Amino acid sequence: MKAITRALEPGPPIDPIAVAGDHGVLIAGCSLTVAGQGRAAVLGLPAGLHDPAAAAGVSRALAAIERDDPVGLPGTGPVAVGSLPFEPGAPAALVVPALLYGRDSTGAEWATVVAEDPVEPDRALVLAGLAHPEGAAGAPPRLVASDPADYAAAVARARAEIRRGALAKVVLARRLVVDLGRPVAPTAVLGRLANREPSATAFLVRHPGAGVFVGASPELLVSRRARQVRSHPLAGTAAAGDGAGLLGSPKELEEHRLVVADIVSVLEPRCLELDVPPPSLVPLASMTHLGTAIAGTLRPAAGAPPSALELAAALHPTPAVGGVPRQRALALIGELEPGRRGPWAGPVGWLDADGDGDFVVGLRSSTLAGRRAEVWAGAGIVAASDPAAELAETDLKLAAVLRCLVADAESLVLRQ
């Protein structure tokens, strides 16, 4: 198998969402966007992120593909794209698209074809395969599963466990299932999510037999470029315009501190230096978070530094979506939540043959299957948590996604 990458000459604009269509893959971040069609290879992780050797094996499999890549930028050559389940040990896979379009923050554009006998990629080839988003989902939508009373009770139980010293923090999630009236085009939903949160990383990944996972995540799990590594965890939430109180809230600051401390404990031993500034406000269209922009330089090693996927495996799940200590929090999540999270809150991203890549946390998202949409939202529970306030936080996060799923989101009562 061979990968041919070519820089694209200036020409008609290319919409990455149209490149991916409803059946491809897309990761569109502020620094780099990749969108692909077809499947040249599927790189499996049978034991998920629990097997470090398998994560390293994905990098080796990409490196083994013959490359003709004069562009030589992060995201060129063969690239694996996908989302991984929240449960770290669940089976997973990344896809190497047969045709991939890339664009970085400088405006550089390229295309890669991966095949046994690949053709030379150019702008015309990319434009020829564009799909076009359809309109909004049909009406009337109908909420078919909601759990507000159960969620508030779960928060109270988790708080009691924390207060008796069983753990310091756990993120409990709430699930909504919506009947959209008729099948919805994933690209249409993705376009609305991306337009609503232009600073977030938009993503679309198809899971055969399970639907299409789409979202616009504000949270960077890890980015790796050669030896440079970044992570931008978010924890602590307020409504848009109400963020000033976050920096003065002991409860929100403690929730955030636990997340940052956990990420630092993973990255610091792997880094020559690590910069951890104080938390700051991260304003979004519908809410404001506390965030800390962590950046470091990986230690030199005999071989290559750990790949972006290996770093994601070491970090996931952070206390922003799991808890502290990790295993006790995961066990409590399994006891108290209404089902498996699937891809929600798992890593979503891309990895190239040099080990560079970006993985975000699969938040502000929905899994779409026909006319059915599943939406999750969570809140961090600590000793000072109030069940009613945590329920209100999940309302805020769920509403942000529902407005992008249906034209008349206000007709859906979250607490029926």
Protein backbone atom coordinates (compact mmCIF):
# COMPACT_ATOMS: atom_id res chain seq x y z
CA MET A 1 0.00 0.00 0.00
CA LYS A 2 1.20 3.51 -0.82
CA ALA A 3 0.22 7.06 0.18
CA ILE A 4 0.70 9.95 -2.24
CA THR A 5 0.35 13.49 -0.86
CA ARG A 6 0.34 16.62 -2.96
CA ALA A 7 -0.04 20.31 -2.12
CA LEU A 8 -3.19 21.74 -3.71
CA GLU A 9 -2.91 24.66 -6.09
CA PRO A 10 -5.22 27.65 -5.42
CA GLY A 11 -8.71 27.18 -6.79
CA PRO A 12 -12.38 26.85 -5.84
CA PRO A 13 -12.89 26.68 -2.05
CA ILE A 14 -13.31 23.27 -0.46
CA ASP A 15 -15.81 22.68 2.36
CA PRO A 16 -14.35 19.98 4.67
CA ILE A 17 -17.83 18.95 5.79
CA ALA A 18 -18.75 18.29 2.16
CA VAL A 19 -15.55 16.27 1.73
CA ALA A 20 -16.51 13.97 4.59
CA GLY A 21 -20.21 13.80 3.74
CA ASP A 22 -22.46 11.64 5.87
CA HIS A 23 -20.27 8.56 5.38
CA GLY A 24 -16.73 9.88 5.85
CA VAL A 25 -14.66 11.29 8.69
CA LEU A 26 -13.87 14.83 9.78
CA ILE A 27 -11.76 16.47 12.48
CA ALA A 28 -11.83 20.25 12.05
CA GLY A 29 -9.84 22.16 14.64
CA CYS A 30 -8.45 25.67 14.85
CA SER A 31 -4.92 24.62 13.91
CA LEU A 32 -5.60 21.76 11.48
CA THR A 33 -8.50 20.14 9.63
CA VAL A 34 -8.59 16.68 8.06
CA ALA A 35 -11.58 15.27 6.17
CA GLY A 36 -11.67 11.90 4.47
CA GLN A 37 -13.65 9.47 2.36
CA GLY A 38 -13.42 5.72 1.94
CA ARG A 39 -11.34 3.20 3.87
CA ALA A 40 -7.86 2.23 2.78
CA ALA A 41 -7.23 0.47 6.11
CA VAL A 42 -8.82 -0.11 9.51
CA LEU A 43 -6.36 -0.17 12.41
CA GLY A 44 -7.87 -2.08 15.31
CA LEU A 45 -7.41 -1.69 19.05
CA PRO A 46 -9.01 -4.94 20.32
CA ALA A 47 -8.47 -4.03 23.98
CA GLY A 48 -9.04 -0.32 23.42
CA LEU A 49 -6.68 2.06 25.16
CA HIS A 50 -5.87 -0.47 27.87
CA ASP A 51 -3.19 -1.97 25.61
CA PRO A 52 -0.26 0.44 25.15
CA ALA A 53 1.34 -1.97 22.68
CA ALA A 54 -1.70 -1.70 20.39
CA ALA A 55 -1.57 2.10 20.44
CA ALA A 56 2.12 1.95 19.49
CA GLY A 57 1.18 -0.61 16.83
CA VAL A 58 -1.14 1.88 15.14
CA SER A 59 1.84 4.23 14.70
CA ARG A 60 3.95 1.39 13.30
CA ALA A 61 1.21 0.41 10.86
CA LEU A 62 1.00 3.97 9.56
CA ALA A 63 4.79 4.25 9.31
CA ALA A 64 4.88 1.00 7.31
CA ILE A 65 2.79 2.51 4.52
CA GLU A 66 5.05 3.70 1.70
CA ARG A 67 4.97 7.50 1.46
CA ASP A 68 5.41 9.93 -1.39
CA ASP A 69 5.00 13.14 0.59
CA PRO A 70 6.90 16.24 -0.50
CA VAL A 71 4.57 18.41 1.62
CA GLY A 72 5.90 16.97 4.87
CA LEU A 73 3.57 18.75 7.30
CA PRO A 74 1.67 17.35 10.31
CA GLY A 75 -1.40 15.61 8.93
CA THR A 76 0.14 14.73 5.55
CA GLY A 77 0.89 11.20 4.39
CA PRO A 78 -1.30 8.36 5.72
CA VAL A 79 -3.50 9.54 8.59
CA ALA A 80 -5.67 7.48 10.95
CA VAL A 81 -8.91 9.13 12.11
CA GLY A 82 -11.58 8.06 14.55
CA SER A 83 -13.29 8.19 17.90
CA LEU A 84 -12.61 5.80 20.75
CA PRO A 85 -15.18 4.66 23.32
CA PHE A 86 -15.28 6.26 26.75
CA GLU A 87 -14.66 2.86 28.36
CA PRO A 88 -10.86 2.56 28.07
CA GLY A 89 -10.93 -1.22 27.58
CA ALA A 90 -13.67 -1.33 24.96
CA PRO A 91 -12.64 -2.44 21.44
CA ALA A 92 -11.93 0.41 19.05
CA ALA A 93 -10.50 1.18 15.64
CA LEU A 94 -9.14 4.08 13.62
CA VAL A 95 -9.70 4.44 9.88
CA VAL A 96 -7.13 5.42 7.24
CA PRO A 97 -9.22 7.25 4.60
CA ALA A 98 -8.61 6.38 0.96
CA LEU A 99 -8.85 10.09 0.11
CA LEU A 100 -7.97 12.74 2.68
CA TYR A 101 -8.14 16.52 2.42
CA GLY A 102 -6.06 18.60 4.84
CA ARG A 103 -5.76 22.28 5.66
CA ASP A 104 -3.79 24.04 8.40
CA SER A 105 -4.03 27.44 10.06
CA THR A 106 -1.62 28.98 7.55
CA GLY A 107 -4.01 28.17 4.70
CA ALA A 108 -1.84 25.38 3.27
CA GLU A 109 -3.97 22.68 1.63
CA TRP A 110 -3.13 19.15 0.55
CA ALA A 111 -4.70 15.87 -0.47
CA THR A 112 -3.56 12.30 0.16
CA VAL A 113 -4.62 9.15 -1.67
CA VAL A 114 -3.89 5.79 -0.04
CA ALA A 115 -4.25 2.66 -2.18
CA GLU A 116 -2.36 -0.25 -3.67
CA ASP A 117 -1.97 1.79 -6.85
CA PRO A 118 -2.86 5.38 -5.89
CA VAL A 119 -3.67 8.14 -8.36
CA GLU A 120 -2.11 11.59 -8.11
CA PRO A 121 -4.37 13.75 -5.92
CA ASP A 122 -5.33 17.30 -6.92
CA ARG A 123 -8.06 19.84 -6.20
CA ALA A 124 -10.27 18.49 -8.99
CA LEU A 125 -10.20 15.01 -7.44
CA VAL A 126 -11.29 16.38 -4.05
CA LEU A 127 -14.01 18.58 -5.55
CA ALA A 128 -15.37 15.71 -7.64
CA GLY A 129 -16.27 13.71 -4.52
CA LEU A 130 -18.02 16.44 -2.53
CA ALA A 131 -21.29 15.64 -0.78
CA HIS A 132 -23.79 18.34 0.17
CA PRO A 133 -25.52 18.66 3.54
CA GLU A 134 -29.26 18.17 3.57
CA GLY A 135 -31.75 20.31 5.45
CA ALA A 136 -32.85 20.17 9.06
CA ALA A 137 -34.38 17.13 10.68
CA GLY A 138 -38.09 16.51 10.28
CA ALA A 139 -40.67 17.62 12.81
CA PRO A 140 -42.14 17.14 15.26
CA PRO A 141 -39.29 15.79 17.39
CA ARG A 142 -40.17 13.77 20.46
CA LEU A 143 -38.20 13.12 23.63
CA VAL A 144 -38.41 9.38 24.29
CA ALA A 145 -36.01 9.01 27.22
CA SER A 146 -35.17 11.46 29.97
CA ASP A 147 -33.97 10.87 33.51
CA PRO A 148 -33.95 14.08 35.61
CA ALA A 149 -35.20 12.53 38.86
CA ASP A 150 -32.84 9.57 38.53
CA TYR A 151 -29.97 11.91 37.73
CA ALA A 152 -30.54 14.09 40.79
CA ALA A 153 -30.67 10.96 42.96
CA ALA A 154 -27.43 9.70 41.41
CA VAL A 155 -25.73 13.01 42.18
CA ALA A 156 -26.87 12.81 45.80
CA ARG A 157 -25.53 9.28 46.11
CA ALA A 158 -22.21 10.21 44.52
CA ARG A 159 -21.88 13.21 46.83
CA ALA A 160 -22.43 10.94 49.83
CA GLU A 161 -19.67 8.61 48.59
CA ILE A 162 -17.33 11.58 48.22
CA ARG A 163 -18.14 12.94 51.67
CA ARG A 164 -17.38 9.63 53.31
CA GLY A 165 -13.96 9.60 51.59
CA ALA A 166 -14.47 6.91 48.91
CA LEU A 167 -13.31 9.32 46.17
CA ALA A 168 -12.67 13.02 45.55
CA LYS A 169 -14.62 13.62 42.34
CA VAL A 170 -16.78 11.82 39.80
CA VAL A 171 -18.38 13.05 36.58
CA LEU A 172 -21.93 11.77 36.25
CA ALA A 173 -23.64 12.00 32.88
CA ARG A 174 -27.27 12.24 31.88
CA ARG A 175 -28.70 10.78 28.66
CA LEU A 176 -31.50 11.97 26.41
CA VAL A 177 -32.89 9.97 23.50
CA VAL A 178 -34.80 11.93 20.87
CA ASP A 179 -37.03 10.72 18.04
CA LEU A 180 -36.33 13.30 15.33
CA GLY A 181 -39.39 12.49 13.23
CA ARG A 182 -37.37 11.33 10.22
CA PRO A 183 -33.71 10.53 9.50
CA VAL A 184 -31.40 13.49 9.86
CA ALA A 185 -28.34 14.24 7.75
CA PRO A 186 -25.31 14.12 10.08
CA THR A 187 -23.58 16.82 8.01
CA ALA A 188 -26.52 19.17 8.58
CA VAL A 189 -26.25 18.72 12.34
CA LEU A 190 -22.49 19.07 12.21
CA GLY A 191 -22.73 22.30 10.22
CA ARG A 192 -25.00 23.86 12.85
CA LEU A 193 -22.77 22.69 15.71
CA ALA A 194 -19.66 24.08 13.99
CA ASN A 195 -21.35 27.40 13.23
CA ARG A 196 -22.52 27.75 16.81
CA GLU A 197 -19.08 27.11 18.31
CA PRO A 198 -16.50 28.17 15.70
CA SER A 199 -13.63 27.92 18.20
CA ALA A 200 -14.44 24.27 18.97
CA THR A 201 -13.17 21.19 17.11
CA ALA A 202 -15.91 19.80 14.88
CA PHE A 203 -15.93 16.06 14.25
CA LEU A 204 -17.86 13.39 12.35
CA VAL A 205 -17.03 9.69 12.65
CA ARG A 206 -19.13 6.75 11.48
CA HIS A 207 -19.40 3.68 13.69
CA PRO A 208 -20.71 0.78 11.58
CA GLY A 209 -23.88 -0.61 13.13
CA ALA A 210 -24.02 2.10 15.79
CA GLY A 211 -24.59 5.33 13.87
CA VAL A 212 -22.66 8.53 13.25
CA PHE A 213 -20.98 10.43 16.08
CA VAL A 214 -20.98 14.19 15.46
CA GLY A 215 -20.02 17.08 17.69
CA ALA A 216 -18.09 20.27 18.31
CA SER A 217 -15.79 19.76 21.28
CA PRO A 218 -14.30 22.69 23.19
CA GLU A 219 -11.84 20.47 25.11
CA LEU A 220 -8.40 19.45 23.85
CA LEU A 221 -7.25 16.18 25.42
CA VAL A 222 -3.81 16.24 23.81
CA SER A 223 -1.98 17.64 20.80
CA ARG A 224 1.50 16.50 19.79
CA ARG A 225 3.83 18.05 17.22
CA ALA A 226 7.26 16.36 17.31
CA ARG A 227 8.28 16.92 20.95
CA GLN A 228 5.79 19.70 21.68
CA VAL A 229 2.70 18.63 23.64
CA ARG A 230 -0.42 20.55 24.67
CA SER A 231 -3.55 19.84 26.68
CA HIS A 232 -6.39 22.24 27.51
CA PRO A 233 -8.72 20.68 30.10
CA LEU A 234 -12.04 22.31 30.97
CA ALA A 235 -13.83 21.81 34.28
CA GLY A 236 -16.16 24.22 36.01
CA THR A 237 -19.18 25.58 34.14
CA ALA A 238 -21.47 28.60 34.17
CA ALA A 239 -24.01 30.00 31.73
CA ALA A 240 -22.70 32.32 29.02
CA GLY A 241 -21.98 35.73 30.50
CA ASP A 242 -21.98 34.38 34.07
CA GLY A 243 -18.38 33.19 34.17
CA ALA A 244 -16.95 35.81 36.52
CA GLY A 245 -18.04 33.83 39.57
CA LEU A 246 -16.17 30.72 38.44
CA LEU A 247 -12.77 32.13 39.38
CA GLY A 248 -14.05 32.90 42.89
CA SER A 249 -15.95 29.65 43.50
CA PRO A 250 -14.15 27.18 45.83
CA LYS A 251 -16.32 24.35 44.50
CA GLU A 252 -15.58 25.06 40.82
CA LEU A 253 -11.88 25.71 41.46
CA GLU A 254 -11.52 22.43 43.36
CA GLU A 255 -13.26 20.53 40.56
CA HIS A 256 -10.85 22.11 38.07
CA ARG A 257 -7.76 21.61 40.25
CA LEU A 258 -8.34 17.85 40.39
CA VAL A 259 -8.42 17.67 36.59
CA VAL A 260 -5.24 19.69 36.11
CA ALA A 261 -3.36 17.76 38.80
CA ASP A 262 -4.19 14.46 37.12
CA ILE A 263 -3.06 15.62 33.68
CA VAL A 264 0.16 17.06 35.11
CA SER A 265 0.85 13.75 36.87
CA VAL A 266 0.73 11.99 33.47
CA LEU A 267 2.61 14.54 31.38
CA GLU A 268 5.27 15.73 33.83
CA PRO A 269 7.30 12.48 33.89
CA ARG A 270 7.26 12.47 30.08
CA CYS A 271 8.36 16.09 29.70
CA LEU A 272 11.61 18.03 30.07
CA GLU A 273 9.51 21.07 30.96
CA LEU A 274 5.83 21.66 31.52
CA ASP A 275 4.08 25.02 31.78
CA VAL A 276 0.91 25.00 33.90
CA PRO A 277 -0.59 28.51 34.14
CA PRO A 278 -3.44 29.48 36.48
CA PRO A 279 -6.94 28.69 35.21
CA SER A 280 -8.72 31.23 33.04
CA LEU A 281 -12.20 31.67 31.62
CA VAL A 282 -13.06 29.97 28.32
CA PRO A 283 -16.20 31.68 26.94
CA LEU A 284 -18.40 29.75 24.50
CA ALA A 285 -21.67 30.62 22.81
CA SER A 286 -23.89 28.93 25.40
CA MET A 287 -21.66 28.61 28.47
CA THR A 288 -18.35 29.52 30.08
CA HIS A 289 -15.76 27.10 31.48
CA LEU A 290 -12.64 27.22 33.58
CA GLY A 291 -9.69 26.09 31.46
CA THR A 292 -5.95 25.63 31.86
CA ALA A 293 -3.70 25.70 28.77
CA ILE A 294 -0.94 23.19 29.59
CA ALA A 295 2.10 23.04 27.28
CA GLY A 296 5.37 21.12 27.45
CA THR A 297 8.35 19.60 25.69
CA LEU A 298 8.58 15.82 25.64
CA ARG A 299 11.80 14.20 26.84
CA PRO A 300 14.18 12.95 24.14
CA ALA A 301 14.14 9.18 23.81
CA ALA A 302 16.11 6.48 22.01
CA GLY A 303 13.24 6.19 19.56
CA ALA A 304 10.42 8.57 18.76
CA PRO A 305 8.59 10.29 21.63
CA PRO A 306 5.17 8.84 22.49
CA SER A 307 2.64 9.40 19.73
CA ALA A 308 -0.47 11.52 20.15
CA LEU A 309 -2.48 8.29 20.44
CA GLU A 310 -0.19 6.90 23.14
CA LEU A 311 -0.46 10.15 25.07
CA ALA A 312 -4.25 10.08 24.71
CA ALA A 313 -4.27 6.52 26.04
CA ALA A 314 -2.23 7.59 29.08
CA LEU A 315 -4.45 10.60 29.79
CA HIS A 316 -7.93 9.19 29.17
CA PRO A 317 -10.22 9.44 31.02
CA THR A 318 -9.15 12.63 32.76
CA PRO A 319 -11.13 13.74 35.83
CA ALA A 320 -12.94 16.18 33.49
CA VAL A 321 -15.01 13.21 32.30
CA GLY A 322 -14.13 10.44 34.78
CA GLY A 323 -13.04 11.21 38.32
CA VAL A 324 -10.48 10.84 41.12
CA PRO A 325 -9.31 8.22 41.84
CA ARG A 326 -9.90 6.95 38.32
CA GLN A 327 -10.89 3.34 38.91
CA ARG A 328 -13.28 4.05 41.79
CA ALA A 329 -14.87 6.84 39.73
CA LEU A 330 -15.31 4.55 36.71
CA ALA A 331 -16.91 1.90 38.91
CA LEU A 332 -19.36 4.45 40.33
CA ILE A 333 -20.17 5.72 36.84
CA GLY A 334 -21.02 2.14 35.85
CA GLU A 335 -23.30 1.81 38.87
CA LEU A 336 -25.16 5.12 38.59
CA GLU A 337 -25.47 6.01 34.90
CA PRO A 338 -28.34 4.75 32.69
CA GLY A 339 -26.13 2.82 30.25
CA ARG A 340 -22.77 2.78 28.52
CA ARG A 341 -21.59 6.12 27.21
CA GLY A 342 -20.29 4.67 23.95
CA PRO A 343 -18.21 7.31 22.14
CA TRP A 344 -19.44 10.20 24.29
CA ALA A 345 -16.53 11.70 26.30
CA GLY A 346 -14.04 9.39 24.61
CA PRO A 347 -11.03 10.63 22.60
CA VAL A 348 -11.74 11.81 19.04
CA GLY A 349 -8.99 12.78 16.65
CA TRP A 350 -6.29 11.98 14.12
CA LEU A 351 -2.78 10.53 14.07
CA ASP A 352 -0.18 10.66 11.29
CA ALA A 353 2.73 8.38 10.48
CA ASP A 354 5.17 10.56 12.44
CA GLY A 355 3.11 10.26 15.63
CA ASP A 356 1.76 13.80 15.45
CA GLY A 357 -1.92 14.30 16.03
CA ASP A 358 -4.78 15.94 17.90
CA PHE A 359 -7.32 14.28 20.18
CA VAL A 360 -10.23 16.15 21.73
CA VAL A 361 -12.81 14.91 24.23
CA GLY A 362 -16.03 13.82 22.51
CA LEU A 363 -18.36 16.38 24.12
CA ARG A 364 -21.19 18.64 22.83
CA SER A 365 -22.11 15.75 20.61
CA SER A 366 -24.77 13.31 19.49
CA THR A 367 -24.87 9.79 18.11
CA LEU A 368 -27.29 9.69 15.16
CA ALA A 369 -28.88 6.51 13.85
CA GLY A 370 -31.76 6.99 11.43
CA ARG A 371 -34.38 9.13 13.15
CA ARG A 372 -32.91 8.48 16.61
CA ALA A 373 -30.45 10.80 18.36
CA GLU A 374 -28.71 10.06 21.65
CA VAL A 375 -27.28 13.02 23.57
CA TRP A 376 -25.22 12.96 26.77
CA ALA A 377 -24.09 15.68 29.14
CA GLY A 378 -22.23 15.42 32.42
CA ALA A 379 -21.30 17.44 35.48
CA GLY A 380 -18.41 17.09 37.89
CA ILE A 381 -19.52 16.03 41.36
CA VAL A 382 -17.45 16.99 44.41
CA ALA A 383 -18.26 17.22 48.13
CA ALA A 384 -19.85 20.67 47.74
CA SER A 385 -22.09 19.71 44.81
CA ASP A 386 -25.82 20.45 44.89
CA PRO A 387 -28.02 17.98 42.92
CA ALA A 388 -30.32 20.72 41.63
CA ALA A 389 -27.39 22.83 40.41
CA GLU A 390 -25.74 19.85 38.71
CA LEU A 391 -29.02 18.98 36.99
CA ALA A 392 -29.28 22.58 35.77
CA GLU A 393 -25.74 22.33 34.38
CA THR A 394 -26.68 19.26 32.35
CA ASP A 395 -29.78 21.10 31.08
CA LEU A 396 -27.49 23.86 29.79
CA LYS A 397 -25.16 21.42 28.01
CA LEU A 398 -27.97 19.29 26.56
CA ALA A 399 -29.82 22.32 25.22
CA ALA A 400 -26.71 23.48 23.35
CA VAL A 401 -26.74 20.26 21.30
CA LEU A 402 -30.52 19.95 20.96
CA ARG A 403 -30.72 23.38 19.33
CA CYS A 404 -28.48 22.04 16.58
CA LEU A 405 -30.44 18.81 16.19
CA VAL A 406 -33.93 20.20 15.66
CA ALA A 407 -35.37 23.46 14.40
CA ASP A 408 -37.79 23.74 17.34
CA ALA A 409 -35.60 22.61 20.23
CA GLU A 410 -37.70 24.59 22.72
CA SER A 411 -40.56 22.16 22.09
CA LEU A 412 -38.51 19.46 23.80
CA VAL A 413 -39.03 19.53 27.57
CA LEU A 414 -35.80 18.26 29.12
CA ARG A 415 -37.46 17.33 32.37
CA GLN A 416 -40.55 15.44 31.30
